[in-house]
Amino acid sequence: MARLEHIHHVDHRCEVIDGEAVYTQIHNACAIERLPQIFWRNQEPWQEANLWACERARSRDVDLQTVETNLRGVAHYASFLESKEMHWFEFPAAKADRCLVQYRGFLKEAMKNGDLSPSTASARMRYVIAFYRWVQIEGLFKPESQLWRDIPVHIKYFDSVGFERTMLRITTDLSIPNRTRPGERLEDGLLPVSALDRDAILRFARDHASEELFLLLSAGFFTGMRLGTLCDLKIKSLEHAVPDPAIPGMFHLAVGPGASTPVATKFGVTGQVWITRELLDFLKEYAYSPRRLQREAKAAQKHRNLLFLTRFGNPYSRNGSDKSSAINVEMTGFRRAGTAHGMQVLRNFRFHQSRCTFGTALTTLAIKVGDNISAIAFVRDALLHKHEATTFKYIKFVEKTPAKEIFANDFTAAFLGVLNQNTRSSHA
């Protein structure tokens, strides 16, 4: 099956000298580390898809992590093509025989069987369509038949000052709808866990998980930092933490590309996160522990200042990504162990829920001591949100929680009352 690999890419100029093609590195060309590339089962590169990835990464208008996500979706399509023994450029007259139509059916069948989430299926179809749009614009592919039918969609929304606006978006008849689930959802569509569940998760992690996973979860639950930021945290970041003059016992930890010691953040936002003295001291103690120093000794020079390293001395994630195969493996084992010990909260627990839990607790406190407007600014700065709309999700979620609790309590009391009445009637 097709696979995704990463290369170190530097732009070269091709010249024909004495009848031979000679490649010369372009002076001052910026190298692209870990550029994703697709290779077919026979080891041949998918040149068009690889060129698409290279062009997007080279323009610097698209984050490299986005390029990788897009190409992973296209690589999944490449594996599908090989399984069906089809070529990506063959589009027969019969619509049902076209590879894009069959791939759409394959994704919808996977959704129906529960093998694929609607969001993943929708995104993969979108990435493949984006690739085909690009190859047509660049003149690399000129099909005789129409690949799809474009459909204009008008989306209404309200701007920051409350005026209704309309945005035109072009979709296709091949797109897979990803209908929003009812109810409030926070970042990445996740929900927080309760304070009791949070403490139970951390106690279980302390006793049954690696020290690194326990510390990462602790930092996630009590600072709200994303996994990508935590995995890129430096020892100097801890050493440069400064006390908050307004809150005794709290420290400011500078993160982002603009910090004195740069730490990766989503969208490259520079800011400061809060951290308690106890957690800061705990992380510092780990930073100079024999366990971590052994990992540092195995690490490359450029990674030795990272706080968290795998047992092989490698970073847990690259380029500030919130995705980590090492953490995924640990979390899978952690969830299985928790479920085996009767901890149902761990059955579907995701690391990012630690951030949702911190944000919800912080929002609840902010609303208690102020109004919603001041709470938005407070939580936005603490969680380093780029857009206030993301912060507003926390406000809406917290505002609805008391009503839900009252409803649950009253409904339970009413049900128990009916149950007790029926029990007494049966005994009589």
Protein backbone atom coordinates (compact mmCIF):
# COMPACT_ATOMS: atom_id res chain seq x y z
CA MET A 1 0.00 0.00 0.00
CA ALA A 2 1.06 3.61 -0.49
CA ARG A 3 3.02 5.20 2.33
CA LEU A 4 3.92 8.67 3.55
CA GLU A 5 7.56 9.52 4.14
CA HIS A 6 9.46 12.68 5.07
CA ILE A 7 12.44 14.21 3.30
CA HIS A 8 14.86 17.10 3.78
CA HIS A 9 14.07 19.35 0.80
CA VAL A 10 16.21 22.13 -0.66
CA ASP A 11 15.28 23.86 -3.93
CA HIS A 12 17.55 23.12 -6.91
CA ARG A 13 17.79 24.64 -10.36
CA CYS A 14 17.86 22.30 -13.36
CA GLU A 15 20.10 23.21 -16.29
CA VAL A 16 21.02 21.29 -19.44
CA ILE A 17 24.80 21.30 -19.91
CA ASP A 18 26.36 19.38 -22.79
CA GLY A 19 23.15 17.46 -23.27
CA GLU A 20 22.89 16.37 -19.64
CA ALA A 21 20.57 17.60 -16.90
CA VAL A 22 22.55 19.18 -14.06
CA TYR A 23 20.92 20.11 -10.75
CA THR A 24 22.41 23.02 -8.81
CA GLN A 25 21.30 24.10 -5.36
CA ILE A 26 19.73 27.56 -5.38
CA HIS A 27 21.78 30.02 -3.37
CA ASN A 28 20.16 31.02 -0.05
CA ALA A 29 17.25 28.64 -0.65
CA CYS A 30 15.33 27.80 2.53
CA ALA A 31 15.37 24.12 3.42
CA ILE A 32 12.14 22.36 4.35
CA GLU A 33 12.61 19.85 7.16
CA ARG A 34 10.38 16.77 7.11
CA LEU A 35 8.53 17.58 3.90
CA PRO A 36 5.84 14.87 3.51
CA GLN A 37 5.95 12.83 0.29
CA ILE A 38 3.83 9.92 -1.01
CA PHE A 39 5.31 6.74 -2.48
CA TRP A 40 3.37 4.01 -4.24
CA ARG A 41 3.61 0.34 -3.39
CA ASN A 42 6.27 -0.15 -6.11
CA GLN A 43 8.49 2.52 -4.45
CA GLU A 44 7.70 5.09 -7.17
CA PRO A 45 6.89 8.62 -5.94
CA TRP A 46 3.51 10.16 -6.71
CA GLN A 47 5.09 13.12 -8.43
CA GLU A 48 1.99 15.30 -8.82
CA ALA A 49 0.91 14.94 -5.18
CA ASN A 50 4.47 15.48 -3.96
CA LEU A 51 4.81 18.60 -6.08
CA TRP A 52 1.54 19.90 -4.61
CA ALA A 53 2.91 19.43 -1.10
CA CYS A 54 6.22 21.04 -2.03
CA GLU A 55 4.57 24.09 -3.63
CA ARG A 56 2.36 24.69 -0.59
CA ALA A 57 5.18 24.26 1.92
CA ARG A 58 7.55 26.42 -0.11
CA SER A 59 5.09 29.32 -0.31
CA ARG A 60 5.17 29.63 3.51
CA ASP A 61 1.48 30.62 3.34
CA VAL A 62 0.46 27.24 4.74
CA ASP A 63 1.78 25.70 7.94
CA LEU A 64 3.85 22.56 7.36
CA GLN A 65 1.66 20.62 9.76
CA THR A 66 -1.36 21.49 7.61
CA VAL A 67 0.50 20.29 4.53
CA GLU A 68 1.22 16.99 6.28
CA THR A 69 -2.41 16.57 7.36
CA ASN A 70 -3.59 17.20 3.79
CA LEU A 71 -1.07 14.78 2.30
CA ARG A 72 -1.95 12.07 4.81
CA GLY A 73 -5.49 12.27 3.51
CA VAL A 74 -4.27 12.00 -0.09
CA ALA A 75 -2.02 9.07 0.92
CA HIS A 76 -5.12 7.28 2.21
CA TYR A 77 -6.69 7.87 -1.21
CA ALA A 78 -3.55 6.47 -2.88
CA SER A 79 -3.84 3.27 -0.81
CA PHE A 80 -7.48 2.98 -1.87
CA LEU A 81 -6.51 3.35 -5.53
CA GLU A 82 -3.92 0.59 -5.23
CA SER A 83 -6.38 -1.73 -3.49
CA LYS A 84 -8.79 -1.25 -6.42
CA GLU A 85 -5.99 -1.32 -9.01
CA MET A 86 -7.07 2.06 -10.36
CA HIS A 87 -5.11 5.06 -11.63
CA TRP A 88 -5.71 8.54 -10.24
CA PHE A 89 -6.02 10.09 -13.72
CA GLU A 90 -8.55 7.66 -15.24
CA PHE A 91 -12.12 8.99 -15.41
CA PRO A 92 -14.34 6.87 -17.66
CA ALA A 93 -17.64 8.10 -19.08
CA ALA A 94 -19.65 6.04 -16.58
CA LYS A 95 -19.79 8.15 -13.42
CA ALA A 96 -20.08 5.15 -11.10
CA ASP A 97 -16.75 3.80 -12.38
CA ARG A 98 -14.76 6.94 -11.62
CA CYS A 99 -12.19 6.68 -8.84
CA LEU A 100 -13.42 9.76 -6.96
CA VAL A 101 -16.99 8.50 -6.88
CA GLN A 102 -15.87 5.08 -5.69
CA TYR A 103 -13.62 6.62 -3.04
CA ARG A 104 -16.55 8.68 -1.76
CA GLY A 105 -18.63 5.51 -1.51
CA PHE A 106 -15.78 3.78 0.32
CA LEU A 107 -15.58 6.60 2.89
CA LYS A 108 -19.35 6.64 3.44
CA GLU A 109 -19.37 2.87 3.95
CA ALA A 110 -16.57 3.22 6.52
CA MET A 111 -18.65 5.88 8.30
CA LYS A 112 -21.69 3.62 8.30
CA ASN A 113 -19.69 0.75 9.83
CA GLY A 114 -18.21 3.03 12.50
CA ASP A 115 -14.67 2.64 11.18
CA LEU A 116 -14.36 6.34 10.34
CA SER A 117 -15.74 9.46 12.01
CA PRO A 118 -17.82 11.85 9.85
CA SER A 119 -15.28 14.63 10.38
CA THR A 120 -12.39 12.45 9.16
CA ALA A 121 -14.30 11.20 6.13
CA SER A 122 -15.37 14.73 5.21
CA ALA A 123 -11.81 16.07 5.59
CA ARG A 124 -10.22 13.29 3.50
CA MET A 125 -12.65 13.86 0.65
CA ARG A 126 -11.99 17.60 0.87
CA TYR A 127 -8.20 17.13 0.71
CA VAL A 128 -8.45 14.91 -2.38
CA ILE A 129 -10.71 17.40 -4.16
CA ALA A 130 -8.28 20.21 -3.30
CA PHE A 131 -5.46 18.20 -4.88
CA TYR A 132 -7.44 17.63 -8.09
CA ARG A 133 -8.30 21.33 -8.27
CA TRP A 134 -4.61 22.19 -8.06
CA VAL A 135 -3.44 19.77 -10.76
CA GLN A 136 -6.11 21.14 -13.10
CA ILE A 137 -5.15 24.75 -12.41
CA GLU A 138 -1.47 23.94 -13.00
CA GLY A 139 -2.29 22.16 -16.27
CA LEU A 140 -0.92 18.82 -15.04
CA PHE A 141 -4.24 17.04 -15.62
CA LYS A 142 -6.89 17.80 -18.25
CA PRO A 143 -9.72 15.27 -17.96
CA GLU A 144 -12.16 14.86 -20.83
CA SER A 145 -15.12 14.46 -18.49
CA GLN A 146 -16.22 16.70 -15.63
CA LEU A 147 -14.86 15.42 -12.32
CA TRP A 148 -17.61 16.93 -10.18
CA ARG A 149 -20.29 19.61 -10.14
CA ASP A 150 -19.56 22.79 -8.19
CA ILE A 151 -22.36 23.95 -5.88
CA PRO A 152 -22.42 27.50 -4.44
CA VAL A 153 -23.45 27.68 -0.79
CA HIS A 154 -24.37 30.89 1.06
CA ILE A 155 -23.45 30.88 4.74
CA LYS A 156 -24.90 33.50 7.08
CA TYR A 157 -22.94 34.64 10.13
CA PHE A 158 -22.62 37.59 12.50
CA ASP A 159 -19.46 39.69 12.58
CA SER A 160 -17.71 41.01 15.71
CA VAL A 161 -20.05 44.02 16.01
CA GLY A 162 -23.26 42.04 15.51
CA PHE A 163 -24.06 42.72 11.84
CA GLU A 164 -25.32 39.81 9.76
CA ARG A 165 -23.06 38.89 6.88
CA THR A 166 -23.23 36.34 4.06
CA MET A 167 -20.25 34.33 2.87
CA LEU A 168 -20.19 32.48 -0.46
CA ARG A 169 -18.55 29.07 -0.42
CA ILE A 170 -18.09 26.64 -3.29
CA THR A 171 -18.60 22.97 -2.53
CA THR A 172 -19.06 19.94 -4.79
CA ASP A 173 -21.53 17.13 -5.25
CA LEU A 174 -18.76 14.78 -4.09
CA SER A 175 -18.28 16.40 -0.69
CA ILE A 176 -19.29 14.43 2.41
CA PRO A 177 -21.38 16.48 4.88
CA ASN A 178 -20.15 16.65 8.44
CA ARG A 179 -23.23 17.77 10.28
CA THR A 180 -22.61 19.43 13.64
CA ARG A 181 -23.70 17.42 16.64
CA PRO A 182 -26.32 19.10 18.85
CA GLY A 183 -25.19 20.56 22.14
CA GLU A 184 -22.24 22.63 23.28
CA ARG A 185 -18.76 21.40 22.43
CA LEU A 186 -15.44 22.97 23.31
CA GLU A 187 -12.15 22.87 21.42
CA ASP A 188 -11.81 19.95 18.99
CA GLY A 189 -15.38 18.93 19.81
CA LEU A 190 -14.40 17.58 23.24
CA LEU A 191 -15.94 17.97 26.67
CA PRO A 192 -14.26 18.50 30.06
CA VAL A 193 -14.19 15.99 32.88
CA SER A 194 -15.35 16.75 36.41
CA ALA A 195 -12.94 17.74 39.17
CA LEU A 196 -13.45 14.35 40.82
CA ASP A 197 -12.69 12.52 37.57
CA ARG A 198 -9.67 14.75 36.96
CA ASP A 199 -8.19 13.86 40.34
CA ALA A 200 -8.95 10.17 39.82
CA ILE A 201 -7.24 10.23 36.40
CA LEU A 202 -4.13 11.83 37.84
CA ARG A 203 -3.98 9.38 40.76
CA PHE A 204 -4.28 6.47 38.37
CA ALA A 205 -1.62 7.98 36.05
CA ARG A 206 0.74 8.40 38.99
CA ASP A 207 0.44 4.71 39.88
CA HIS A 208 0.05 3.07 36.45
CA ALA A 209 1.53 5.35 33.77
CA SER A 210 5.02 6.58 32.99
CA GLU A 211 6.32 9.56 34.93
CA GLU A 212 6.32 11.58 31.71
CA LEU A 213 2.65 10.94 30.96
CA PHE A 214 1.71 11.75 34.56
CA LEU A 215 3.57 15.08 34.36
CA LEU A 216 2.13 15.91 30.94
CA LEU A 217 -1.42 15.24 32.17
CA SER A 218 -0.79 17.25 35.35
CA ALA A 219 0.49 20.20 33.33
CA GLY A 220 -2.43 19.89 30.92
CA PHE A 221 -5.03 19.84 33.70
CA PHE A 222 -3.48 22.73 35.68
CA THR A 223 -2.05 25.04 33.00
CA GLY A 224 -4.26 24.36 29.98
CA MET A 225 -1.28 24.10 27.62
CA ARG A 226 -1.77 22.10 24.45
CA LEU A 227 0.13 18.87 23.93
CA GLY A 228 2.27 20.47 21.21
CA THR A 229 3.30 23.25 23.59
CA LEU A 230 4.01 20.85 26.46
CA CYS A 231 6.13 18.61 24.24
CA ASP A 232 8.17 21.63 23.11
CA LEU A 233 8.62 23.05 26.62
CA LYS A 234 12.27 23.85 27.42
CA ILE A 235 14.10 23.65 30.72
CA LYS A 236 15.04 27.31 30.30
CA SER A 237 11.33 28.10 30.05
CA LEU A 238 10.93 26.80 33.60
CA GLU A 239 14.03 28.64 34.82
CA HIS A 240 12.81 31.92 33.32
CA ALA A 241 9.33 31.70 34.89
CA VAL A 242 8.50 34.86 36.86
CA PRO A 243 6.12 35.30 39.82
CA ASP A 244 2.76 36.95 39.19
CA PRO A 245 2.75 40.10 41.35
CA ALA A 246 -1.05 40.05 41.65
CA ILE A 247 -1.48 36.36 42.53
CA PRO A 248 0.79 34.93 45.25
CA GLY A 249 1.96 31.42 44.48
CA MET A 250 1.39 31.75 40.71
CA PHE A 251 4.08 32.14 38.04
CA HIS A 252 4.09 33.27 34.42
CA LEU A 253 5.59 30.90 31.86
CA ALA A 254 6.46 32.58 28.53
CA VAL A 255 5.63 30.52 25.43
CA GLY A 256 5.38 31.18 21.73
CA PRO A 257 7.88 32.19 19.03
CA GLY A 258 8.37 35.60 20.66
CA ALA A 259 9.43 34.24 24.06
CA SER A 260 13.09 34.51 25.13
CA THR A 261 13.15 30.71 24.87
CA PRO A 262 10.75 29.94 21.99
CA VAL A 263 8.11 27.30 22.65
CA ALA A 264 5.69 26.15 19.96
CA THR A 265 2.08 27.31 20.18
CA LYS A 266 -0.89 26.94 17.88
CA PHE A 267 -1.03 29.73 15.26
CA GLY A 268 2.30 31.01 16.62
CA VAL A 269 0.63 32.99 19.43
CA THR A 270 3.09 34.45 21.94
CA GLY A 271 1.91 34.86 25.51
CA GLN A 272 2.21 33.73 29.10
CA VAL A 273 0.49 30.85 30.84
CA TRP A 274 -0.09 30.52 34.56
CA ILE A 275 1.55 27.77 36.55
CA THR A 276 1.49 27.14 40.30
CA ARG A 277 4.69 27.17 42.32
CA GLU A 278 4.12 23.53 43.31
CA LEU A 279 3.77 22.31 39.72
CA LEU A 280 6.71 24.46 38.59
CA ASP A 281 8.94 23.01 41.31
CA PHE A 282 7.74 19.51 40.46
CA LEU A 283 8.70 19.97 36.78
CA LYS A 284 12.07 21.44 37.72
CA GLU A 285 12.77 18.48 39.97
CA TYR A 286 12.02 16.13 37.08
CA ALA A 287 14.19 18.21 34.70
CA TYR A 288 17.33 17.35 36.69
CA SER A 289 16.33 13.82 37.75
CA PRO A 290 18.54 10.86 36.75
CA ARG A 291 15.65 9.46 34.67
CA ARG A 292 15.46 12.51 32.42
CA LEU A 293 19.24 13.05 32.30
CA GLN A 294 19.64 9.53 30.91
CA ARG A 295 17.23 10.45 28.14
CA GLU A 296 19.03 13.72 27.52
CA ALA A 297 22.31 11.84 27.06
CA LYS A 298 20.75 9.92 24.14
CA ALA A 299 19.25 13.02 22.51
CA ALA A 300 20.66 15.05 19.64
CA GLN A 301 22.28 18.32 20.69
CA LYS A 302 19.38 20.45 19.40
CA HIS A 303 16.86 18.47 21.52
CA ARG A 304 18.70 18.30 24.83
CA ASN A 305 17.01 21.37 26.28
CA LEU A 306 13.55 19.84 25.83
CA LEU A 307 11.88 19.00 29.13
CA PHE A 308 10.16 15.88 27.83
CA LEU A 309 12.05 13.28 25.80
CA THR A 310 11.19 9.68 24.94
CA ARG A 311 13.31 6.83 26.32
CA PHE A 312 15.24 6.94 23.04
CA GLY A 313 16.04 10.64 23.48
CA ASN A 314 13.62 11.82 20.79
CA PRO A 315 11.05 14.64 21.05
CA TYR A 316 7.51 13.53 21.75
CA SER A 317 6.26 15.65 18.84
CA ARG A 318 7.80 17.64 16.01
CA ASN A 319 7.15 21.18 14.78
CA GLY A 320 4.87 21.92 17.72
CA SER A 321 2.25 19.45 16.51
CA ASP A 322 -0.51 18.40 18.90
CA LYS A 323 -0.17 14.89 17.47
CA SER A 324 2.36 12.49 18.95
CA SER A 325 2.64 8.81 18.08
CA ALA A 326 4.56 8.18 21.33
CA ILE A 327 1.82 9.79 23.42
CA ASN A 328 -0.87 7.99 21.42
CA VAL A 329 0.71 4.63 22.27
CA GLU A 330 0.95 5.53 25.96
CA MET A 331 -2.59 6.90 26.07
CA THR A 332 -3.96 3.73 24.45
CA GLY A 333 -2.33 1.56 27.10
CA PHE A 334 -3.40 4.00 29.82
CA ARG A 335 -7.05 3.88 28.72
CA ARG A 336 -7.00 0.07 28.56
CA ALA A 337 -5.51 -0.21 32.04
CA GLY A 338 -8.01 2.30 33.42
CA THR A 339 -10.97 0.52 31.87
CA ALA A 340 -9.72 -2.80 33.26
CA HIS A 341 -9.67 -1.19 36.73
CA GLY A 342 -13.28 -0.01 36.35
CA MET A 343 -12.52 3.64 35.51
CA GLN A 344 -15.20 4.31 32.90
CA VAL A 345 -14.07 7.93 32.51
CA LEU A 346 -10.91 6.66 30.82
CA ARG A 347 -12.74 4.58 28.20
CA ASN A 348 -12.90 7.48 25.71
CA PHE A 349 -10.62 9.97 27.43
CA ARG A 350 -8.44 12.15 25.17
CA PHE A 351 -5.40 14.14 26.24
CA HIS A 352 -6.86 17.42 24.96
CA GLN A 353 -9.70 17.07 27.48
CA SER A 354 -7.18 18.17 30.11
CA ARG A 355 -7.11 21.59 28.41
CA CYS A 356 -10.93 21.70 28.19
CA THR A 357 -11.15 20.87 31.89
CA PHE A 358 -8.73 23.64 32.86
CA GLY A 359 -10.51 26.14 30.62
CA THR A 360 -13.93 25.28 32.06
CA ALA A 361 -12.72 25.58 35.66
CA LEU A 362 -11.03 28.89 34.90
CA THR A 363 -14.14 30.24 33.14
CA THR A 364 -16.36 29.26 36.07
CA LEU A 365 -14.13 31.19 38.48
CA ALA A 366 -13.89 34.18 36.13
CA ILE A 367 -17.68 34.47 35.80
CA LYS A 368 -18.14 34.25 39.59
CA VAL A 369 -15.93 37.28 40.25
CA GLY A 370 -16.82 39.36 37.18
CA ASP A 371 -19.04 39.67 34.12
CA ASN A 372 -18.90 37.74 30.87
CA ILE A 373 -16.94 40.40 29.00
CA SER A 374 -14.09 40.47 31.51
CA ALA A 375 -14.22 36.67 31.72
CA ILE A 376 -13.69 36.37 27.95
CA ALA A 377 -10.54 38.52 28.09
CA PHE A 378 -9.29 36.65 31.16
CA VAL A 379 -9.76 33.15 29.72
CA ARG A 380 -8.58 34.14 26.23
CA ASP A 381 -5.24 35.34 27.59
CA ALA A 382 -4.80 32.31 29.84
CA LEU A 383 -5.50 29.79 27.05
CA LEU A 384 -3.74 31.83 24.32
CA HIS A 385 -6.77 31.77 22.05
CA LYS A 386 -6.29 33.47 18.70
CA HIS A 387 -10.01 34.18 18.31
CA GLU A 388 -12.49 35.27 20.99
CA ALA A 389 -15.09 33.00 19.39
CA THR A 390 -13.19 30.00 20.78
CA THR A 391 -13.22 31.53 24.26
CA PHE A 392 -16.93 32.31 23.97
CA LYS A 393 -17.63 28.57 23.68
CA TYR A 394 -16.40 28.19 27.26
CA ILE A 395 -18.66 31.03 28.44
CA LYS A 396 -21.74 29.46 26.83
CA PHE A 397 -20.85 26.03 28.15
CA VAL A 398 -20.40 27.21 31.74
CA GLU A 399 -23.58 29.30 31.63
CA LYS A 400 -25.65 26.27 30.62
CA THR A 401 -24.10 23.90 33.18
CA PRO A 402 -26.12 25.05 36.27
CA ALA A 403 -29.41 24.64 34.39
CA LYS A 404 -28.39 21.13 33.33
CA GLU A 405 -27.46 20.22 36.91
CA ILE A 406 -30.78 21.49 38.29
CA PHE A 407 -32.67 19.59 35.60
CA ALA A 408 -30.73 16.39 36.31
CA ASN A 409 -31.29 16.64 40.07
CA ASP A 410 -35.03 17.41 39.75
CA PHE A 411 -35.56 14.72 37.13
CA THR A 412 -33.75 12.13 39.26
CA ALA A 413 -35.78 13.11 42.34
CA ALA A 414 -39.04 12.83 40.38
CA PHE A 415 -38.08 9.44 38.97
CA LEU A 416 -37.13 8.10 42.42
CA GLY A 417 -40.43 9.39 43.77
CA VAL A 418 -42.39 7.50 41.11
CA LEU A 419 -40.26 4.41 41.70
CA ASN A 420 -40.88 4.52 45.46
CA GLN A 421 -44.64 4.91 44.89
CA ASN A 422 -44.74 1.88 42.61
CA THR A 423 -42.72 -0.14 45.13
CA ARG A 424 -45.12 0.68 47.94
CA SER A 425 -48.13 -0.14 45.74
CA SER A 426 -46.72 -3.55 44.80
CA HIS A 427 -46.06 -4.41 48.47
CA ALA A 428 -49.59 -3.32 49.44
